[in-house]
Every structure is written in structure tokens, then in C-alpha cells.
Amino acid sequence: MSEERAAREGQVIMPFYIICDVSGSMYNDMAALNDGLAQLRQDIMKDPVVDDLVMLSVITFDDSARTVVPLTAPTDVELPRLGPGGGTTYGTAFREFHRAFEEDRKRLKGEGKRVFRPCIFFLSDGEPQDRDYLQTFQSLLGYDPTTKQGNSAYPYVTTFGFRDASQHTMEAIAYPNFGESNKRGRWFLAKNGQAVGELLKSMAGVIGQSVLKSGQSVGTGAPQYVAPTSVAGMEGSFV
């Protein structure tokens, strides 16, 4: 095996999953969401080194969830034009992420890659209609470091809520009780009166910067998820 091939096969990959609410209430915001995703991709591609170290996937959800962009390098991402659907069910999104990541991790490890803990950016404009969404979240993604029970590959989660989404819900998903003393989740909530279109542009910008900085950390030999620090027009918290 050549040294170049060996290095490529042992390469660290940082997987990022953007989970977008496309329920019916997002009808007037789809153009801004599509434009934001396209700009995010372009921003990441400006750094060719990062383009080799990170992978992106897009999952959409309403009454159901689907992977519309399978996990791949930003250069190879083909973004569909997203359209609005039905209701808002968070549990479907968590189930689809769990299914997709398990398959992605198996594939990447089969290629000799080292897979970093997955990172989720979760965007929603409303409250979940499925009351058991937190149980779904915990059962699929939760982990107890004391008993070693649950999903040891649980993701870092950063949530963005706007319109009818509440702080309680965004915080509950960003700060799962996994028993860590240094949780890395972060939540952001739109301030009153902020235009959703402008918020989506701001979100896309900070997500792009987070991905870039996280990818650049791989070159230091100590890869880490670099969470967003602020979003124009939104308030938030970080532990």
C-alpha cells in the first residue's frame, strides 16, 4: 500500500448533518432556505483542505423525514430545490438521522476512514406535534457514560428555532442529559420581530463557519467540533 493511500484511508472525516423543517408553515421561507444551503456549500468549498475533511448531508422533515442529500464531500453535494410539506414531527427526523448515520459510519469505516462524532444542525420554525419526540431522541441518540448504555456515537447538536419554536424545546434537544460535564450543544432562538428570510441567511453563514473551523481543527491533530458563537437576530446559550 502506498504512503499516500495509507494516509487517505486513515483520514479523519467530520460528518455534518443539516436537519431542516420543511413543514407547511415554511411555505414562504423555502426560497431563503434553498439559497442559504447553496451559499453554505459554496463557503465550505472555498477551503479545499476542509473540503477533503468534512462531509455534509441534508435531512428534511415534516410528517415524515428523508435524506435529500446523502453524506458526501461538499464538492460532490447536489442540492435539490426543497419544497414545503405537512406537519411537524421531530421524531421522524431523529429516526432518519440515526438510520443514515449508522449506514454512513459503516461505509466510511469500510473505506478505512476514522469517523469523528457526528454533528447536527437542527432548524425548525415550530413545536413538534409528536409528544414523544424526546423519548425517541433519547432512545436512539442518548448515552449513559456511567453504565455505558446507549449510543456511544451520540451527536453534538446545535439547534436553531424561529417563529413558533420555543426555547424549552430547542434547549432540550441541544442539551441532552448524557451525563457529560462538558456538553457541547448550543441553542439559538429568534428574537421577536426578526424576518425569517434574513434569519435563515444568518444561520447558513454561522453553520458554514462552524463547519470550516471544525474541519480546520483536524490539521492540528486534535479535531474538535467548533460550535457557533452567535447568530444575528437570535439569542442563545452555551455550556
C-alpha atoms as a PDB file:
ATOM      1  CA  MET A   1       0.000   0.000   0.000  1.00  0.00           C
ATOM      2  CA  SER A   2       1.416   3.440  -0.938  1.00  0.00           C
ATOM      3  CA  GLU A   3       2.035   6.075   1.744  1.00  0.00           C
ATOM      4  CA  GLU A   4      -0.490   8.371   0.024  1.00  0.00           C
ATOM      5  CA  ARG A   5      -3.173   5.695   0.031  1.00  0.00           C
ATOM      6  CA  ALA A   6      -2.454   4.744   3.630  1.00  0.00           C
ATOM      7  CA  ALA A   7      -2.790   8.370   4.720  1.00  0.00           C
ATOM      8  CA  ARG A   8      -6.017   8.750   2.773  1.00  0.00           C
ATOM      9  CA  GLU A   9      -7.525   5.612   4.286  1.00  0.00           C
ATOM     10  CA  GLY A  10      -6.589   6.670   7.823  1.00  0.00           C
ATOM     11  CA  GLN A  11      -8.006  10.158   7.330  1.00  0.00           C
ATOM     12  CA  VAL A  12     -10.365  11.673   9.885  1.00  0.00           C
ATOM     13  CA  ILE A  13     -13.767  12.563   8.463  1.00  0.00           C
ATOM     14  CA  MET A  14     -16.068  15.005  10.240  1.00  0.00           C
ATOM     15  CA  PRO A  15     -19.717  14.304   9.282  1.00  0.00           C
ATOM     16  CA  PHE A  16     -22.238  17.157   9.459  1.00  0.00           C
ATOM     17  CA  TYR A  17     -25.986  16.638   9.144  1.00  0.00           C
ATOM     18  CA  ILE A  18     -28.258  19.610   8.486  1.00  0.00           C
ATOM     19  CA  ILE A  19     -31.798  18.710   9.549  1.00  0.00           C
ATOM     20  CA  CYS A  20     -34.361  21.136   8.129  1.00  0.00           C
ATOM     21  CA  ASP A  21     -38.021  21.620   8.980  1.00  0.00           C
ATOM     22  CA  VAL A  22     -39.979  21.778   5.694  1.00  0.00           C
ATOM     23  CA  SER A  23     -43.467  21.633   7.189  1.00  0.00           C
ATOM     24  CA  GLY A  24     -46.314  23.629   5.666  1.00  0.00           C
ATOM     25  CA  SER A  25     -45.616  26.691   7.827  1.00  0.00           C
ATOM     26  CA  MET A  26     -42.286  27.056   5.984  1.00  0.00           C
ATOM     27  CA  TYR A  27     -44.079  27.714   2.678  1.00  0.00           C
ATOM     28  CA  ASN A  28     -42.968  31.340   2.336  1.00  0.00           C
ATOM     29  CA  ASP A  29     -39.429  30.620   3.526  1.00  0.00           C
ATOM     30  CA  MET A  30     -38.340  27.862   1.167  1.00  0.00           C
ATOM     31  CA  ALA A  31     -36.542  30.154  -1.278  1.00  0.00           C
ATOM     32  CA  ALA A  32     -34.434  31.604   1.550  1.00  0.00           C
ATOM     33  CA  LEU A  33     -33.715  28.122   2.907  1.00  0.00           C
ATOM     34  CA  ASN A  34     -32.619  26.861  -0.508  1.00  0.00           C
ATOM     35  CA  ASP A  35     -30.426  29.920  -1.072  1.00  0.00           C
ATOM     36  CA  GLY A  36     -28.879  29.557   2.380  1.00  0.00           C
ATOM     37  CA  LEU A  37     -27.940  25.919   1.828  1.00  0.00           C
ATOM     38  CA  ALA A  38     -26.396  26.771  -1.543  1.00  0.00           C
ATOM     39  CA  GLN A  39     -24.315  29.570  -0.002  1.00  0.00           C
ATOM     40  CA  LEU A  40     -23.223  27.322   2.869  1.00  0.00           C
ATOM     41  CA  ARG A  41     -21.888  24.791   0.390  1.00  0.00           C
ATOM     42  CA  GLN A  42     -20.019  27.482  -1.525  1.00  0.00           C
ATOM     43  CA  ASP A  43     -18.468  28.877   1.652  1.00  0.00           C
ATOM     44  CA  ILE A  44     -17.101  25.483   2.692  1.00  0.00           C
ATOM     45  CA  MET A  45     -15.711  24.785  -0.764  1.00  0.00           C
ATOM     46  CA  LYS A  46     -13.543  27.915  -0.520  1.00  0.00           C
ATOM     47  CA  ASP A  47     -11.145  25.891   1.647  1.00  0.00           C
ATOM     48  CA  PRO A  48     -10.008  22.851  -0.398  1.00  0.00           C
ATOM     49  CA  VAL A  49      -8.374  21.230   2.639  1.00  0.00           C
ATOM     50  CA  VAL A  50     -11.599  21.359   4.626  1.00  0.00           C
ATOM     51  CA  ASP A  51     -13.495  20.078   1.597  1.00  0.00           C
ATOM     52  CA  ASP A  52     -11.441  16.884   1.935  1.00  0.00           C
ATOM     53  CA  LEU A  53     -12.034  16.524   5.670  1.00  0.00           C
ATOM     54  CA  VAL A  54     -15.742  17.191   6.149  1.00  0.00           C
ATOM     55  CA  MET A  55     -18.847  15.619   4.687  1.00  0.00           C
ATOM     56  CA  LEU A  56     -22.331  17.087   4.502  1.00  0.00           C
ATOM     57  CA  SER A  57     -25.797  15.576   4.487  1.00  0.00           C
ATOM     58  CA  VAL A  58     -29.217  17.252   4.400  1.00  0.00           C
ATOM     59  CA  ILE A  59     -32.263  15.647   6.012  1.00  0.00           C
ATOM     60  CA  THR A  60     -35.709  17.238   5.711  1.00  0.00           C
ATOM     61  CA  PHE A  61     -38.757  16.512   7.821  1.00  0.00           C
ATOM     62  CA  ASP A  62     -42.452  17.295   8.128  1.00  0.00           C
ATOM     63  CA  ASP A  63     -44.871  14.400   8.729  1.00  0.00           C
ATOM     64  CA  SER A  64     -42.037  12.131   7.614  1.00  0.00           C
ATOM     65  CA  ALA A  65     -38.300  12.519   7.106  1.00  0.00           C
ATOM     66  CA  ARG A  66     -35.995  11.798   4.205  1.00  0.00           C
ATOM     67  CA  THR A  67     -32.315  12.158   3.369  1.00  0.00           C
ATOM     68  CA  VAL A  68     -32.319  14.503   0.384  1.00  0.00           C
ATOM     69  CA  VAL A  69     -28.515  14.843   0.277  1.00  0.00           C
ATOM     70  CA  PRO A  70     -26.619  11.681   1.256  1.00  0.00           C
ATOM     71  CA  LEU A  71     -23.420  12.252   3.235  1.00  0.00           C
ATOM     72  CA  THR A  72     -20.701  13.315   0.810  1.00  0.00           C
ATOM     73  CA  ALA A  73     -17.896  15.835   0.296  1.00  0.00           C
ATOM     74  CA  PRO A  74     -19.160  19.416  -0.207  1.00  0.00           C
ATOM     75  CA  THR A  75     -17.764  19.442  -3.736  1.00  0.00           C
ATOM     76  CA  ASP A  76     -19.948  16.463  -4.625  1.00  0.00           C
ATOM     77  CA  VAL A  77     -23.130  17.766  -2.977  1.00  0.00           C
ATOM     78  CA  GLU A  78     -26.079  18.141  -5.338  1.00  0.00           C
ATOM     79  CA  LEU A  79     -28.732  20.256  -3.656  1.00  0.00           C
ATOM     80  CA  PRO A  80     -32.351  19.685  -4.683  1.00  0.00           C
ATOM     81  CA  ARG A  81     -34.884  22.505  -4.537  1.00  0.00           C
ATOM     82  CA  LEU A  82     -36.691  21.889  -1.277  1.00  0.00           C
ATOM     83  CA  GLY A  83     -40.441  22.383  -1.020  1.00  0.00           C
ATOM     84  CA  PRO A  84     -42.889  22.584   1.919  1.00  0.00           C
ATOM     85  CA  GLY A  85     -44.855  19.592   3.183  1.00  0.00           C
ATOM     86  CA  GLY A  86     -47.205  18.739   6.046  1.00  0.00           C
ATOM     87  CA  GLY A  87     -46.966  18.748   9.834  1.00  0.00           C
ATOM     88  CA  THR A  88     -44.010  18.990  12.228  1.00  0.00           C
ATOM     89  CA  THR A  89     -42.821  15.700  13.728  1.00  0.00           C
ATOM     90  CA  TYR A  90     -39.356  15.753  15.260  1.00  0.00           C
ATOM     91  CA  GLY A  91     -39.228  12.024  15.945  1.00  0.00           C
ATOM     92  CA  THR A  92     -39.167  11.193  12.243  1.00  0.00           C
ATOM     93  CA  ALA A  93     -36.088  13.397  11.840  1.00  0.00           C
ATOM     94  CA  PHE A  94     -34.241  11.685  14.690  1.00  0.00           C
ATOM     95  CA  ARG A  95     -35.068   8.243  13.338  1.00  0.00           C
ATOM     96  CA  GLU A  96     -33.884   9.166   9.849  1.00  0.00           C
ATOM     97  CA  PHE A  97     -30.647  10.658  11.151  1.00  0.00           C
ATOM     98  CA  HIS A  98     -29.944   7.555  13.217  1.00  0.00           C
ATOM     99  CA  ARG A  99     -30.576   5.259  10.245  1.00  0.00           C
ATOM    100  CA  ALA A 100     -28.466   7.374   7.890  1.00  0.00           C
ATOM    101  CA  PHE A 101     -25.509   7.822  10.228  1.00  0.00           C
ATOM    102  CA  GLU A 102     -25.286   4.134  11.089  1.00  0.00           C
ATOM    103  CA  GLU A 103     -25.067   3.339   7.378  1.00  0.00           C
ATOM    104  CA  ASP A 104     -22.639   6.203   6.715  1.00  0.00           C
ATOM    105  CA  ARG A 105     -20.339   5.207   9.568  1.00  0.00           C
ATOM    106  CA  LYS A 106     -20.236   1.595   8.399  1.00  0.00           C
ATOM    107  CA  ARG A 107     -19.418   2.708   4.841  1.00  0.00           C
ATOM    108  CA  LEU A 108     -16.681   5.139   5.866  1.00  0.00           C
ATOM    109  CA  LYS A 109     -15.050   2.699   8.262  1.00  0.00           C
ATOM    110  CA  GLY A 110     -15.124   0.116   5.486  1.00  0.00           C
ATOM    111  CA  GLU A 111     -13.104   2.603   3.426  1.00  0.00           C
ATOM    112  CA  GLY A 112     -10.529   2.840   6.208  1.00  0.00           C
ATOM    113  CA  LYS A 113     -11.625   6.287   7.396  1.00  0.00           C
ATOM    114  CA  ARG A 114     -11.720   7.398  11.024  1.00  0.00           C
ATOM    115  CA  VAL A 115     -15.135   8.889  11.728  1.00  0.00           C
ATOM    116  CA  PHE A 116     -15.450  11.837  14.117  1.00  0.00           C
ATOM    117  CA  ARG A 117     -18.539  12.168  16.288  1.00  0.00           C
ATOM    118  CA  PRO A 118     -21.422  13.361  14.087  1.00  0.00           C
ATOM    119  CA  CYS A 119     -22.580  16.968  14.331  1.00  0.00           C
ATOM    120  CA  ILE A 120     -26.190  18.030  13.784  1.00  0.00           C
ATOM    121  CA  PHE A 121     -27.567  21.450  12.915  1.00  0.00           C
ATOM    122  CA  PHE A 122     -31.308  21.319  13.566  1.00  0.00           C
ATOM    123  CA  LEU A 123     -33.566  24.054  12.129  1.00  0.00           C
ATOM    124  CA  SER A 124     -37.263  24.348  12.939  1.00  0.00           C
ATOM    125  CA  ASP A 125     -39.952  27.035  12.905  1.00  0.00           C
ATOM    126  CA  GLY A 126     -42.421  25.255  15.171  1.00  0.00           C
ATOM    127  CA  GLU A 127     -43.177  22.954  18.054  1.00  0.00           C
ATOM    128  CA  PRO A 128     -43.252  19.176  17.467  1.00  0.00           C
ATOM    129  CA  GLN A 129     -46.660  17.578  17.063  1.00  0.00           C
ATOM    130  CA  ASP A 130     -45.344  14.215  18.305  1.00  0.00           C
ATOM    131  CA  ARG A 131     -45.336  14.385  22.102  1.00  0.00           C
ATOM    132  CA  ASP A 132     -42.857  11.539  22.482  1.00  0.00           C
ATOM    133  CA  TYR A 133     -40.095  13.220  20.461  1.00  0.00           C
ATOM    134  CA  LEU A 134     -37.750  13.440  23.463  1.00  0.00           C
ATOM    135  CA  GLN A 135     -38.186   9.742  24.224  1.00  0.00           C
ATOM    136  CA  THR A 136     -37.364   8.990  20.585  1.00  0.00           C
ATOM    137  CA  PHE A 137     -34.342  11.282  20.781  1.00  0.00           C
ATOM    138  CA  GLN A 138     -33.057   9.708  23.989  1.00  0.00           C
ATOM    139  CA  SER A 139     -33.673   6.096  22.968  1.00  0.00           C
ATOM    140  CA  LEU A 140     -31.841   6.465  19.649  1.00  0.00           C
ATOM    141  CA  LEU A 141     -29.148   9.020  20.433  1.00  0.00           C
ATOM    142  CA  GLY A 142     -28.761   9.043  24.211  1.00  0.00           C
ATOM    143  CA  TYR A 143     -25.806   7.589  26.094  1.00  0.00           C
ATOM    144  CA  ASP A 144     -25.085   6.994  29.783  1.00  0.00           C
ATOM    145  CA  PRO A 145     -21.301   7.218  30.362  1.00  0.00           C
ATOM    146  CA  THR A 146     -21.659   5.618  33.792  1.00  0.00           C
ATOM    147  CA  THR A 147     -23.390   2.417  32.699  1.00  0.00           C
ATOM    148  CA  LYS A 148     -22.007   2.564  29.119  1.00  0.00           C
ATOM    149  CA  GLN A 149     -25.545   2.007  27.894  1.00  0.00           C
ATOM    150  CA  GLY A 150     -26.997   3.661  24.827  1.00  0.00           C
ATOM    151  CA  ASN A 151     -25.486   5.199  21.717  1.00  0.00           C
ATOM    152  CA  SER A 152     -21.771   5.821  22.290  1.00  0.00           C
ATOM    153  CA  ALA A 153     -21.645   7.639  18.939  1.00  0.00           C
ATOM    154  CA  TYR A 154     -24.210  10.224  20.050  1.00  0.00           C
ATOM    155  CA  PRO A 155     -24.040  13.501  18.104  1.00  0.00           C
ATOM    156  CA  TYR A 156     -23.221  17.052  19.030  1.00  0.00           C
ATOM    157  CA  VAL A 157     -26.412  19.036  18.411  1.00  0.00           C
ATOM    158  CA  THR A 158     -26.887  22.739  17.706  1.00  0.00           C
ATOM    159  CA  THR A 159     -30.495  23.900  17.357  1.00  0.00           C
ATOM    160  CA  PHE A 160     -31.984  26.961  15.673  1.00  0.00           C
ATOM    161  CA  GLY A 161     -35.597  27.858  16.459  1.00  0.00           C
ATOM    162  CA  PHE A 162     -37.718  30.605  14.944  1.00  0.00           C
ATOM    163  CA  ARG A 163     -41.344  31.660  14.506  1.00  0.00           C
ATOM    164  CA  ASP A 164     -43.296  29.305  16.861  1.00  0.00           C
ATOM    165  CA  ALA A 165     -40.384  27.206  18.173  1.00  0.00           C
ATOM    166  CA  SER A 166     -39.817  27.578  21.915  1.00  0.00           C
ATOM    167  CA  GLN A 167     -36.648  27.945  23.953  1.00  0.00           C
ATOM    168  CA  HIS A 168     -37.643  24.942  26.067  1.00  0.00           C
ATOM    169  CA  THR A 169     -37.788  22.671  23.028  1.00  0.00           C
ATOM    170  CA  MET A 170     -34.603  23.977  21.396  1.00  0.00           C
ATOM    171  CA  GLU A 171     -32.692  23.691  24.667  1.00  0.00           C
ATOM    172  CA  ALA A 172     -33.995  20.187  25.387  1.00  0.00           C
ATOM    173  CA  ILE A 173     -32.575  18.894  22.100  1.00  0.00           C
ATOM    174  CA  ALA A 174     -29.312  20.838  22.270  1.00  0.00           C
ATOM    175  CA  TYR A 175     -28.628  19.838  25.873  1.00  0.00           C
ATOM    176  CA  PRO A 176     -29.482  16.150  26.148  1.00  0.00           C
ATOM    177  CA  ASN A 177     -28.789  14.671  29.568  1.00  0.00           C
ATOM    178  CA  PHE A 178     -25.985  12.337  28.567  1.00  0.00           C
ATOM    179  CA  GLY A 179     -24.115  12.786  31.816  1.00  0.00           C
ATOM    180  CA  GLU A 180     -21.272  14.837  30.358  1.00  0.00           C
ATOM    181  CA  SER A 181     -19.786  17.629  32.447  1.00  0.00           C
ATOM    182  CA  ASN A 182     -18.756  19.475  29.272  1.00  0.00           C
ATOM    183  CA  LYS A 183     -21.745  19.414  26.949  1.00  0.00           C
ATOM    184  CA  ARG A 184     -21.128  20.974  23.574  1.00  0.00           C
ATOM    185  CA  GLY A 185     -24.660  21.580  22.400  1.00  0.00           C
ATOM    186  CA  ARG A 186     -25.911  25.078  21.704  1.00  0.00           C
ATOM    187  CA  TRP A 187     -29.348  26.522  21.077  1.00  0.00           C
ATOM    188  CA  PHE A 188     -30.429  29.686  19.306  1.00  0.00           C
ATOM    189  CA  LEU A 189     -33.872  31.276  19.262  1.00  0.00           C
ATOM    190  CA  ALA A 190     -35.081  34.123  17.068  1.00  0.00           C
ATOM    191  CA  LYS A 191     -35.704  37.453  18.729  1.00  0.00           C
ATOM    192  CA  ASN A 192     -39.173  38.939  18.343  1.00  0.00           C
ATOM    193  CA  GLY A 193     -39.861  40.642  15.046  1.00  0.00           C
ATOM    194  CA  GLN A 194     -36.960  39.129  13.102  1.00  0.00           C
ATOM    195  CA  ALA A 195     -37.674  38.346   9.446  1.00  0.00           C
ATOM    196  CA  VAL A 196     -37.331  34.603   8.859  1.00  0.00           C
ATOM    197  CA  GLY A 197     -35.638  35.045   5.481  1.00  0.00           C
ATOM    198  CA  GLU A 198     -32.834  37.101   6.997  1.00  0.00           C
ATOM    199  CA  LEU A 199     -32.525  34.684   9.911  1.00  0.00           C
ATOM    200  CA  LEU A 200     -32.052  31.757   7.533  1.00  0.00           C
ATOM    201  CA  LYS A 201     -29.221  33.618   5.807  1.00  0.00           C
ATOM    202  CA  SER A 202     -27.588  34.284   9.173  1.00  0.00           C
ATOM    203  CA  MET A 203     -27.990  30.648  10.223  1.00  0.00           C
ATOM    204  CA  ALA A 204     -26.439  29.393   6.992  1.00  0.00           C
ATOM    205  CA  GLY A 205     -23.488  31.738   7.491  1.00  0.00           C
ATOM    206  CA  VAL A 206     -22.703  30.618  11.044  1.00  0.00           C
ATOM    207  CA  ILE A 207     -23.194  26.954  10.145  1.00  0.00           C
ATOM    208  CA  GLY A 208     -20.681  27.381   7.331  1.00  0.00           C
ATOM    209  CA  GLN A 209     -18.174  28.990   9.695  1.00  0.00           C
ATOM    210  CA  SER A 210     -18.688  26.243  12.264  1.00  0.00           C
ATOM    211  CA  VAL A 211     -18.043  23.559   9.655  1.00  0.00           C
ATOM    212  CA  LEU A 212     -14.953  25.381   8.352  1.00  0.00           C
ATOM    213  CA  LYS A 213     -13.424  25.889  11.799  1.00  0.00           C
ATOM    214  CA  SER A 214     -14.212  22.317  12.831  1.00  0.00           C
ATOM    215  CA  GLY A 215     -12.634  20.959   9.657  1.00  0.00           C
ATOM    216  CA  GLN A 216      -9.554  23.148  10.092  1.00  0.00           C
ATOM    217  CA  SER A 217      -9.058  21.710  13.579  1.00  0.00           C
ATOM    218  CA  VAL A 218      -8.306  18.312  12.027  1.00  0.00           C
ATOM    219  CA  GLY A 219      -4.998  19.680  10.744  1.00  0.00           C
ATOM    220  CA  THR A 220      -3.887  20.479  14.297  1.00  0.00           C
ATOM    221  CA  GLY A 221      -4.029  16.796  15.203  1.00  0.00           C
ATOM    222  CA  ALA A 222      -6.816  17.442  17.720  1.00  0.00           C
ATOM    223  CA  PRO A 223     -10.092  17.567  15.773  1.00  0.00           C
ATOM    224  CA  GLN A 224     -12.977  19.157  17.622  1.00  0.00           C
ATOM    225  CA  TYR A 225     -16.464  20.449  16.949  1.00  0.00           C
ATOM    226  CA  VAL A 226     -16.357  24.250  16.991  1.00  0.00           C
ATOM    227  CA  ALA A 227     -19.902  25.333  17.804  1.00  0.00           C
ATOM    228  CA  PRO A 228     -21.360  28.643  16.577  1.00  0.00           C
ATOM    229  CA  THR A 229     -20.906  31.530  18.996  1.00  0.00           C
ATOM    230  CA  SER A 230     -23.666  33.891  17.861  1.00  0.00           C
ATOM    231  CA  VAL A 231     -26.306  34.422  15.184  1.00  0.00           C
ATOM    232  CA  ALA A 232     -27.533  37.848  14.105  1.00  0.00           C
ATOM    233  CA  GLY A 233     -31.130  38.323  15.192  1.00  0.00           C
ATOM    234  CA  MET A 234     -31.088  35.368  17.592  1.00  0.00           C
ATOM    235  CA  GLU A 235     -30.388  34.819  21.262  1.00  0.00           C
ATOM    236  CA  GLY A 236     -28.834  31.670  22.683  1.00  0.00           C
ATOM    237  CA  SER A 237     -26.880  29.922  25.362  1.00  0.00           C
ATOM    238  CA  PHE A 238     -23.852  27.683  25.653  1.00  0.00           C
ATOM    239  CA  VAL A 239     -22.462  25.400  28.348  1.00  0.00           C
END
